[in-house]
């Protein structure tokens, strides 16, 4: 096994242990920050497509045209049963 003799190492050009640790810490911090940013973006993107404001109308009653509230089983105006496929906006 060939080793490096201390005579071949220029003490002025090599990084010390402290400098190497600082560089490694900065790289790790940047990587973690980028990872957190990506995770936050994905979570917000997935939640944004599923969120419905409470009390938001999801469609109209096929009998009377009254706006239907979220998770309504019956129309609040005429009492007609809400069809699960009914939710198309007029």
PDB file of N, CA and C in Angstrom:
ATOM      1  N   UNK A   1       0.845  -1.164   0.000  1.00  0.00           N
ATOM      2  CA  UNK A   1       0.000   0.000   0.000  1.00  0.00           C
ATOM      3  C   UNK A   1       0.889   1.225   0.000  1.00  0.00           C
ATOM      4  N   UNK A   2       0.543   2.147  -0.904  1.00  0.00           N
ATOM      5  CA  UNK A   2       1.337   3.351  -1.040  1.00  0.00           C
ATOM      6  C   UNK A   2       0.719   4.443  -0.201  1.00  0.00           C
ATOM      7  N   UNK A   3       1.470   5.088   0.612  1.00  0.00           N
ATOM      8  CA  UNK A   3       0.969   6.182   1.444  1.00  0.00           C
ATOM      9  C   UNK A   3       1.487   7.506   0.935  1.00  0.00           C
ATOM     10  N   UNK A   4       0.901   8.572   1.401  1.00  0.00           N
ATOM     11  CA  UNK A   4       1.352   9.905   1.018  1.00  0.00           C
ATOM     12  C   UNK A   4       2.280  10.402   2.106  1.00  0.00           C
ATOM     13  N   UNK A   5       3.444  10.787   1.660  1.00  0.00           N
ATOM     14  CA  UNK A   5       4.434  11.303   2.595  1.00  0.00           C
ATOM     15  C   UNK A   5       4.076  12.733   2.959  1.00  0.00           C
ATOM     16  N   UNK A   6       4.253  13.129   4.184  1.00  0.00           N
ATOM     17  CA  UNK A   6       3.955  14.498   4.592  1.00  0.00           C
ATOM     18  C   UNK A   6       4.734  15.538   3.793  1.00  0.00           C
ATOM     19  N   UNK A   7       5.815  15.148   3.150  1.00  0.00           N
ATOM     20  CA  UNK A   7       6.600  16.093   2.375  1.00  0.00           C
ATOM     21  C   UNK A   7       5.865  16.546   1.118  1.00  0.00           C
ATOM     22  N   UNK A   8       4.915  15.748   0.620  1.00  0.00           N
ATOM     23  CA  UNK A   8       4.186  16.099  -0.598  1.00  0.00           C
ATOM     24  C   UNK A   8       2.959  16.988  -0.344  1.00  0.00           C
ATOM     25  N   UNK A   9       2.592  17.169   0.883  1.00  0.00           N
ATOM     26  CA  UNK A   9       1.422  17.970   1.222  1.00  0.00           C
ATOM     27  C   UNK A   9       1.864  19.394   1.509  1.00  0.00           C
ATOM     28  N   UNK A  10       1.234  20.339   0.811  1.00  0.00           N
ATOM     29  CA  UNK A  10       1.525  21.756   1.039  1.00  0.00           C
ATOM     30  C   UNK A  10       0.601  22.243   2.152  1.00  0.00           C
ATOM     31  N   UNK A  11       1.127  22.578   3.293  1.00  0.00           N
ATOM     32  CA  UNK A  11       0.276  22.965   4.418  1.00  0.00           C
ATOM     33  C   UNK A  11      -0.554  24.221   4.139  1.00  0.00           C
ATOM     34  N   UNK A  12      -0.136  25.070   3.241  1.00  0.00           N
ATOM     35  CA  UNK A  12      -0.865  26.297   2.958  1.00  0.00           C
ATOM     36  C   UNK A  12      -2.055  26.092   2.051  1.00  0.00           C
ATOM     37  N   UNK A  13      -2.110  24.998   1.312  1.00  0.00           N
ATOM     38  CA  UNK A  13      -3.197  24.816   0.348  1.00  0.00           C
ATOM     39  C   UNK A  13      -4.285  23.857   0.813  1.00  0.00           C
ATOM     40  N   UNK A  14      -4.068  23.109   1.846  1.00  0.00           N
ATOM     41  CA  UNK A  14      -5.086  22.146   2.281  1.00  0.00           C
ATOM     42  C   UNK A  14      -6.042  22.794   3.280  1.00  0.00           C
ATOM     43  N   UNK A  15      -7.276  22.278   3.294  1.00  0.00           N
ATOM     44  CA  UNK A  15      -8.274  22.772   4.230  1.00  0.00           C
ATOM     45  C   UNK A  15      -8.115  22.070   5.566  1.00  0.00           C
ATOM     46  N   UNK A  16      -8.356  22.808   6.611  1.00  0.00           N
ATOM     47  CA  UNK A  16      -8.304  22.223   7.937  1.00  0.00           C
ATOM     48  C   UNK A  16      -9.593  21.498   8.246  1.00  0.00           C
ATOM     49  N   UNK A  17      -9.600  20.795   9.334  1.00  0.00           N
ATOM     50  CA  UNK A  17     -10.759  20.025   9.746  1.00  0.00           C
ATOM     51  C   UNK A  17     -11.955  20.950   9.986  1.00  0.00           C
ATOM     52  N   UNK A  18     -11.725  22.091  10.587  1.00  0.00           N
ATOM     53  CA  UNK A  18     -12.802  23.026  10.876  1.00  0.00           C
ATOM     54  C   UNK A  18     -13.462  23.548   9.595  1.00  0.00           C
ATOM     55  N   UNK A  19     -12.640  23.884   8.609  1.00  0.00           N
ATOM     56  CA  UNK A  19     -13.182  24.370   7.344  1.00  0.00           C
ATOM     57  C   UNK A  19     -14.007  23.293   6.642  1.00  0.00           C
ATOM     58  N   UNK A  20     -13.536  22.074   6.668  1.00  0.00           N
ATOM     59  CA  UNK A  20     -14.269  20.967   6.053  1.00  0.00           C
ATOM     60  C   UNK A  20     -15.608  20.755   6.762  1.00  0.00           C
ATOM     61  N   UNK A  21     -15.612  20.825   8.083  1.00  0.00           N
ATOM     62  CA  UNK A  21     -16.862  20.663   8.833  1.00  0.00           C
ATOM     63  C   UNK A  21     -17.839  21.795   8.548  1.00  0.00           C
ATOM     64  N   UNK A  22     -17.353  23.015   8.416  1.00  0.00           N
ATOM     65  CA  UNK A  22     -18.218  24.150   8.108  1.00  0.00           C
ATOM     66  C   UNK A  22     -18.825  23.990   6.726  1.00  0.00           C
ATOM     67  N   UNK A  23     -18.028  23.606   5.754  1.00  0.00           N
ATOM     68  CA  UNK A  23     -18.531  23.399   4.392  1.00  0.00           C
ATOM     69  C   UNK A  23     -19.567  22.275   4.373  1.00  0.00           C
ATOM     70  N   UNK A  24     -19.294  21.188   5.078  1.00  0.00           N
ATOM     71  CA  UNK A  24     -20.245  20.076   5.136  1.00  0.00           C
ATOM     72  C   UNK A  24     -21.543  20.504   5.803  1.00  0.00           C
ATOM     73  N   UNK A  25     -21.460  21.309   6.866  1.00  0.00           N
ATOM     74  CA  UNK A  25     -22.656  21.782   7.563  1.00  0.00           C
ATOM     75  C   UNK A  25     -23.498  22.681   6.653  1.00  0.00           C
ATOM     76  N   UNK A  26     -22.846  23.547   5.895  1.00  0.00           N
ATOM     77  CA  UNK A  26     -23.569  24.426   4.975  1.00  0.00           C
ATOM     78  C   UNK A  26     -24.267  23.606   3.894  1.00  0.00           C
ATOM     79  N   UNK A  27     -23.592  22.617   3.368  1.00  0.00           N
ATOM     80  CA  UNK A  27     -24.194  21.759   2.341  1.00  0.00           C
ATOM     81  C   UNK A  27     -25.412  21.018   2.901  1.00  0.00           C
ATOM     82  N   UNK A  28     -25.304  20.507   4.109  1.00  0.00           N
ATOM     83  CA  UNK A  28     -26.417  19.788   4.740  1.00  0.00           C
ATOM     84  C   UNK A  28     -27.590  20.738   4.992  1.00  0.00           C
ATOM     85  N   UNK A  29     -27.319  21.941   5.457  1.00  0.00           N
ATOM     86  CA  UNK A  29     -28.378  22.913   5.730  1.00  0.00           C
ATOM     87  C   UNK A  29     -29.097  23.295   4.442  1.00  0.00           C
ATOM     88  N   UNK A  30     -28.356  23.534   3.375  1.00  0.00           N
ATOM     89  CA  UNK A  30     -28.961  23.880   2.086  1.00  0.00           C
ATOM     90  C   UNK A  30     -29.809  22.714   1.575  1.00  0.00           C
ATOM     91  N   UNK A  31     -29.314  21.506   1.702  1.00  0.00           N
ATOM     92  CA  UNK A  31     -30.068  20.323   1.267  1.00  0.00           C
ATOM     93  C   UNK A  31     -31.365  20.185   2.060  1.00  0.00           C
ATOM     94  N   UNK A  32     -31.313  20.354   3.365  1.00  0.00           N
ATOM     95  CA  UNK A  32     -32.508  20.237   4.200  1.00  0.00           C
ATOM     96  C   UNK A  32     -33.508  21.338   3.862  1.00  0.00           C
ATOM     97  N   UNK A  33     -33.024  22.568   3.645  1.00  0.00           N
ATOM     98  CA  UNK A  33     -33.920  23.668   3.284  1.00  0.00           C
ATOM     99  C   UNK A  33     -34.620  23.393   1.950  1.00  0.00           C
ATOM    100  N   UNK A  34     -33.883  22.871   0.985  1.00  0.00           N
ATOM    101  CA  UNK A  34     -34.486  22.541  -0.308  1.00  0.00           C
ATOM    102  C   UNK A  34     -35.509  21.415  -0.156  1.00  0.00           C
ATOM    103  N   UNK A  35     -35.205  20.432   0.648  1.00  0.00           N
ATOM    104  CA  UNK A  35     -36.118  19.319   0.882  1.00  0.00           C
ATOM    105  C   UNK A  35     -37.403  19.798   1.554  1.00  0.00           C
ATOM    106  N   UNK A  36     -37.283  20.660   2.544  1.00  0.00           N
ATOM    107  CA  UNK A  36     -38.456  21.209   3.226  1.00  0.00           C
ATOM    108  C   UNK A  36     -39.303  22.025   2.254  1.00  0.00           C
ATOM    109  N   UNK A  37     -38.660  22.806   1.407  1.00  0.00           N
ATOM    110  CA  UNK A  37     -39.396  23.609   0.425  1.00  0.00           C
ATOM    111  C   UNK A  37     -40.174  22.723  -0.532  1.00  0.00           C
ATOM    112  N   UNK A  38     -39.573  21.647  -0.988  1.00  0.00           N
ATOM    113  CA  UNK A  38     -40.252  20.727  -1.901  1.00  0.00           C
ATOM    114  C   UNK A  38     -41.425  20.048  -1.199  1.00  0.00           C
ATOM    115  N   UNK A  39     -41.235  19.625   0.027  1.00  0.00           N
ATOM    116  CA  UNK A  39     -42.307  18.967   0.778  1.00  0.00           C
ATOM    117  C   UNK A  39     -43.467  19.930   1.001  1.00  0.00           C
ATOM    118  N   UNK A  40     -43.165  21.183   1.369  1.00  0.00           N
ATOM    119  CA  UNK A  40     -44.229  22.175   1.573  1.00  0.00           C
ATOM    120  C   UNK A  40     -44.988  22.440   0.281  1.00  0.00           C
ATOM    121  N   UNK A  41     -44.286  22.501  -0.835  1.00  0.00           N
ATOM    122  CA  UNK A  41     -44.933  22.730  -2.123  1.00  0.00           C
ATOM    123  C   UNK A  41     -45.875  21.591  -2.460  1.00  0.00           C
ATOM    124  N   UNK A  42     -45.425  20.361  -2.269  1.00  0.00           N
ATOM    125  CA  UNK A  42     -46.248  19.193  -2.586  1.00  0.00           C
ATOM    126  C   UNK A  42     -47.474  19.129  -1.678  1.00  0.00           C
ATOM    127  N   UNK A  43     -47.298  19.393  -0.389  1.00  0.00           N
ATOM    128  CA  UNK A  43     -48.414  19.342   0.553  1.00  0.00           C
ATOM    129  C   UNK A  43     -49.437  20.417   0.219  1.00  0.00           C
ATOM    130  N   UNK A  44     -48.980  21.631  -0.046  1.00  0.00           N
ATOM    131  CA  UNK A  44     -49.915  22.712  -0.376  1.00  0.00           C
ATOM    132  C   UNK A  44     -50.635  22.443  -1.692  1.00  0.00           C
ATOM    133  N   UNK A  45     -49.918  21.885  -2.648  1.00  0.00           N
ATOM    134  CA  UNK A  45     -50.528  21.584  -3.943  1.00  0.00           C
ATOM    135  C   UNK A  45     -51.607  20.525  -3.784  1.00  0.00           C
ATOM    136  N   UNK A  46     -51.345  19.490  -2.979  1.00  0.00           N
ATOM    137  CA  UNK A  46     -52.323  18.425  -2.803  1.00  0.00           C
ATOM    138  C   UNK A  46     -53.511  18.883  -1.957  1.00  0.00           C
ATOM    139  N   UNK A  47     -53.298  19.733  -0.977  1.00  0.00           N
ATOM    140  CA  UNK A  47     -54.402  20.225  -0.160  1.00  0.00           C
ATOM    141  C   UNK A  47     -55.254  21.216  -0.931  1.00  0.00           C
ATOM    142  N   UNK A  48     -54.656  21.996  -1.783  1.00  0.00           N
ATOM    143  CA  UNK A  48     -55.379  23.015  -2.529  1.00  0.00           C
ATOM    144  C   UNK A  48     -56.436  22.432  -3.433  1.00  0.00           C
ATOM    145  N   UNK A  49     -56.190  21.277  -3.985  1.00  0.00           N
ATOM    146  CA  UNK A  49     -57.157  20.673  -4.894  1.00  0.00           C
ATOM    147  C   UNK A  49     -58.303  20.003  -4.153  1.00  0.00           C
ATOM    148  N   UNK A  50     -58.163  19.756  -2.857  1.00  0.00           N
ATOM    149  CA  UNK A  50     -59.189  19.046  -2.108  1.00  0.00           C
ATOM    150  C   UNK A  50     -59.985  19.947  -1.187  1.00  0.00           C
ATOM    151  N   UNK A  51     -59.525  21.163  -0.950  1.00  0.00           N
ATOM    152  CA  UNK A  51     -60.191  22.025   0.007  1.00  0.00           C
ATOM    153  C   UNK A  51     -61.473  22.599  -0.565  1.00  0.00           C
ATOM    154  N   UNK A  52     -62.508  22.561   0.256  1.00  0.00           N
ATOM    155  CA  UNK A  52     -63.778  23.184  -0.075  1.00  0.00           C
ATOM    156  C   UNK A  52     -64.133  24.064   1.109  1.00  0.00           C
ATOM    157  N   UNK A  53     -64.472  25.280   0.836  1.00  0.00           N
ATOM    158  CA  UNK A  53     -64.825  26.199   1.904  1.00  0.00           C
ATOM    159  C   UNK A  53     -66.098  25.713   2.585  1.00  0.00           C
ATOM    160  N   UNK A  54     -66.163  25.771   3.928  1.00  0.00           N
ATOM    161  CA  UNK A  54     -67.375  25.366   4.613  1.00  0.00           C
ATOM    162  C   UNK A  54     -68.550  26.232   4.160  1.00  0.00           C
ATOM    163  N   UNK A  55     -69.669  25.593   3.886  1.00  0.00           N
ATOM    164  CA  UNK A  55     -70.849  26.319   3.438  1.00  0.00           C
ATOM    165  C   UNK A  55     -70.826  26.654   1.955  1.00  0.00           C
ATOM    166  N   UNK A  56     -69.821  26.180   1.253  1.00  0.00           N
ATOM    167  CA  UNK A  56     -69.726  26.463  -0.174  1.00  0.00           C
ATOM    168  C   UNK A  56     -70.785  25.674  -0.931  1.00  0.00           C
ATOM    169  N   UNK A  57     -71.283  26.256  -1.997  1.00  0.00           N
ATOM    170  CA  UNK A  57     -72.257  25.541  -2.804  1.00  0.00           C
ATOM    171  C   UNK A  57     -71.525  24.605  -3.745  1.00  0.00           C
ATOM    172  N   UNK A  58     -72.061  23.411  -3.880  1.00  0.00           N
ATOM    173  CA  UNK A  58     -71.437  22.401  -4.730  1.00  0.00           C
ATOM    174  C   UNK A  58     -72.258  22.128  -5.974  1.00  0.00           C
ATOM    175  N   UNK A  59     -73.363  22.809  -6.142  1.00  0.00           N
ATOM    176  CA  UNK A  59     -74.211  22.602  -7.305  1.00  0.00           C
ATOM    177  C   UNK A  59     -75.579  23.172  -7.032  1.00  0.00           C
ATOM    178  N   UNK A  60     -76.531  22.744  -7.836  1.00  0.00           N
ATOM    179  CA  UNK A  60     -77.885  23.254  -7.718  1.00  0.00           C
ATOM    180  C   UNK A  60     -78.870  22.100  -7.713  1.00  0.00           C
ATOM    181  N   UNK A  61     -79.984  22.307  -7.031  1.00  0.00           N
ATOM    182  CA  UNK A  61     -81.049  21.310  -6.967  1.00  0.00           C
ATOM    183  C   UNK A  61     -81.650  21.129  -8.357  1.00  0.00           C
ATOM    184  N   UNK A  62     -81.846  19.873  -8.737  1.00  0.00           N
ATOM    185  CA  UNK A  62     -82.418  19.599 -10.056  1.00  0.00           C
ATOM    186  C   UNK A  62     -83.918  19.891 -10.094  1.00  0.00           C
ATOM    187  N   UNK A  63     -84.542  19.993  -8.928  1.00  0.00           N
ATOM    188  CA  UNK A  63     -85.984  20.268  -8.886  1.00  0.00           C
ATOM    189  C   UNK A  63     -86.295  21.763  -8.909  1.00  0.00           C
ATOM    190  N   UNK A  64     -85.613  22.534  -8.034  1.00  0.00           N
ATOM    191  CA  UNK A  64     -85.970  23.947  -7.909  1.00  0.00           C
ATOM    192  C   UNK A  64     -84.838  24.906  -8.278  1.00  0.00           C
ATOM    193  N   UNK A  65     -83.631  24.395  -8.446  1.00  0.00           N
ATOM    194  CA  UNK A  65     -82.503  25.251  -8.824  1.00  0.00           C
ATOM    195  C   UNK A  65     -81.822  25.952  -7.661  1.00  0.00           C
ATOM    196  N   UNK A  66     -82.230  25.633  -6.440  1.00  0.00           N
ATOM    197  CA  UNK A  66     -81.628  26.237  -5.253  1.00  0.00           C
ATOM    198  C   UNK A  66     -80.172  25.764  -5.120  1.00  0.00           C
ATOM    199  N   UNK A  67     -79.236  26.641  -4.724  1.00  0.00           N
ATOM    200  CA  UNK A  67     -77.848  26.197  -4.507  1.00  0.00           C
ATOM    201  C   UNK A  67     -77.782  25.151  -3.398  1.00  0.00           C
ATOM    202  N   UNK A  68     -77.035  24.087  -3.630  1.00  0.00           N
ATOM    203  CA  UNK A  68     -76.875  23.012  -2.643  1.00  0.00           C
ATOM    204  C   UNK A  68     -75.636  23.261  -1.805  1.00  0.00           C
ATOM    205  N   UNK A  69     -75.764  23.016  -0.516  1.00  0.00           N
ATOM    206  CA  UNK A  69     -74.638  23.173   0.395  1.00  0.00           C
ATOM    207  C   UNK A  69     -73.791  21.906   0.413  1.00  0.00           C
ATOM    208  N   UNK A  70     -72.578  22.061   0.901  1.00  0.00           N
ATOM    209  CA  UNK A  70     -71.637  20.938   0.997  1.00  0.00           C
ATOM    210  C   UNK A  70     -72.254  19.813   1.821  1.00  0.00           C
ATOM    211  N   UNK A  71     -72.147  18.589   1.333  1.00  0.00           N
ATOM    212  CA  UNK A  71     -72.615  17.367   1.996  1.00  0.00           C
ATOM    213  C   UNK A  71     -74.129  17.347   2.233  1.00  0.00           C
ATOM    214  N   UNK A  72     -74.876  18.083   1.457  1.00  0.00           N
ATOM    215  CA  UNK A  72     -76.340  18.096   1.617  1.00  0.00           C
ATOM    216  C   UNK A  72     -76.935  16.815   1.054  1.00  0.00           C
ATOM    217  N   UNK A  73     -77.887  16.252   1.791  1.00  0.00           N
ATOM    218  CA  UNK A  73     -78.606  15.065   1.315  1.00  0.00           C
ATOM    219  C   UNK A  73     -79.932  15.456   0.704  1.00  0.00           C
ATOM    220  N   UNK A  74     -80.458  16.612   1.163  1.00  0.00           N
ATOM    221  CA  UNK A  74     -81.734  17.111   0.677  1.00  0.00           C
ATOM    222  C   UNK A  74     -81.612  18.607   0.397  1.00  0.00           C
ATOM    223  N   UNK A  75     -82.405  19.078  -0.522  1.00  0.00           N
ATOM    224  CA  UNK A  75     -82.447  20.507  -0.848  1.00  0.00           C
ATOM    225  C   UNK A  75     -83.066  21.251   0.330  1.00  0.00           C
ATOM    226  N   UNK A  76     -82.453  22.350   0.725  1.00  0.00           N
ATOM    227  CA  UNK A  76     -82.963  23.111   1.868  1.00  0.00           C
ATOM    228  C   UNK A  76     -84.217  23.911   1.515  1.00  0.00           C
ATOM    229  N   UNK A  77     -84.515  24.093   0.239  1.00  0.00           N
ATOM    230  CA  UNK A  77     -85.681  24.872  -0.178  1.00  0.00           C
ATOM    231  C   UNK A  77     -86.899  23.984  -0.442  1.00  0.00           C
ATOM    232  N   UNK A  78     -86.733  22.951  -1.290  1.00  0.00           N
ATOM    233  CA  UNK A  78     -87.893  22.133  -1.669  1.00  0.00           C
ATOM    234  C   UNK A  78     -87.896  20.747  -1.036  1.00  0.00           C
ATOM    235  N   UNK A  79     -86.795  20.322  -0.444  1.00  0.00           N
ATOM    236  CA  UNK A  79     -86.730  19.032   0.231  1.00  0.00           C
ATOM    237  C   UNK A  79     -86.442  17.858  -0.670  1.00  0.00           C
ATOM    238  N   UNK A  80     -86.161  18.105  -1.928  1.00  0.00           N
ATOM    239  CA  UNK A  80     -85.860  17.012  -2.862  1.00  0.00           C
ATOM    240  C   UNK A  80     -84.543  16.347  -2.481  1.00  0.00           C
ATOM    241  N   UNK A  81     -84.493  15.022  -2.650  1.00  0.00           N
ATOM    242  CA  UNK A  81     -83.265  14.286  -2.359  1.00  0.00           C
ATOM    243  C   UNK A  81     -82.185  14.693  -3.358  1.00  0.00           C
ATOM    244  N   UNK A  82     -80.984  14.844  -2.835  1.00  0.00           N
ATOM    245  CA  UNK A  82     -79.859  15.234  -3.686  1.00  0.00           C
ATOM    246  C   UNK A  82     -79.230  13.986  -4.269  1.00  0.00           C
ATOM    247  N   UNK A  83     -79.141  13.919  -5.565  1.00  0.00           N
ATOM    248  CA  UNK A  83     -78.506  12.813  -6.279  1.00  0.00           C
ATOM    249  C   UNK A  83     -76.991  12.958  -6.112  1.00  0.00           C
ATOM    250  N   UNK A  84     -76.263  11.868  -5.766  1.00  0.00           N
ATOM    251  CA  UNK A  84     -74.800  11.974  -5.589  1.00  0.00           C
ATOM    252  C   UNK A  84     -74.088  12.512  -6.831  1.00  0.00           C
ATOM    253  N   UNK A  85     -74.638  12.250  -8.007  1.00  0.00           N
ATOM    254  CA  UNK A  85     -74.002  12.769  -9.228  1.00  0.00           C
ATOM    255  C   UNK A  85     -74.411  14.202  -9.494  1.00  0.00           C
ATOM    256  N   UNK A  86     -75.400  14.662  -8.738  1.00  0.00           N
ATOM    257  CA  UNK A  86     -75.861  16.047  -8.913  1.00  0.00           C
ATOM    258  C   UNK A  86     -74.888  16.949  -8.184  1.00  0.00           C
ATOM    259  N   UNK A  87     -74.326  17.844  -8.829  1.00  0.00           N
ATOM    260  CA  UNK A  87     -73.341  18.740  -8.261  1.00  0.00           C
ATOM    261  C   UNK A  87     -72.794  19.591  -9.383  1.00  0.00           C
ATOM    262  N   UNK A  88     -73.361  19.372 -10.534  1.00  0.00           N
ATOM    263  CA  UNK A  88     -72.975  20.149 -11.701  1.00  0.00           C
ATOM    264  C   UNK A  88     -73.499  21.557 -11.526  1.00  0.00           C
ATOM    265  N   UNK A  89     -72.660  22.526 -11.730  1.00  0.00           N
ATOM    266  CA  UNK A  89     -73.107  23.914 -11.660  1.00  0.00           C
ATOM    267  C   UNK A  89     -73.822  24.281 -12.922  1.00  0.00           C
ATOM    268  N   UNK A  90     -74.878  25.083 -12.776  1.00  0.00           N
ATOM    269  CA  UNK A  90     -75.637  25.531 -13.946  1.00  0.00           C
ATOM    270  C   UNK A  90     -74.899  26.648 -14.633  1.00  0.00           C
TER     271      UNK A  90
END
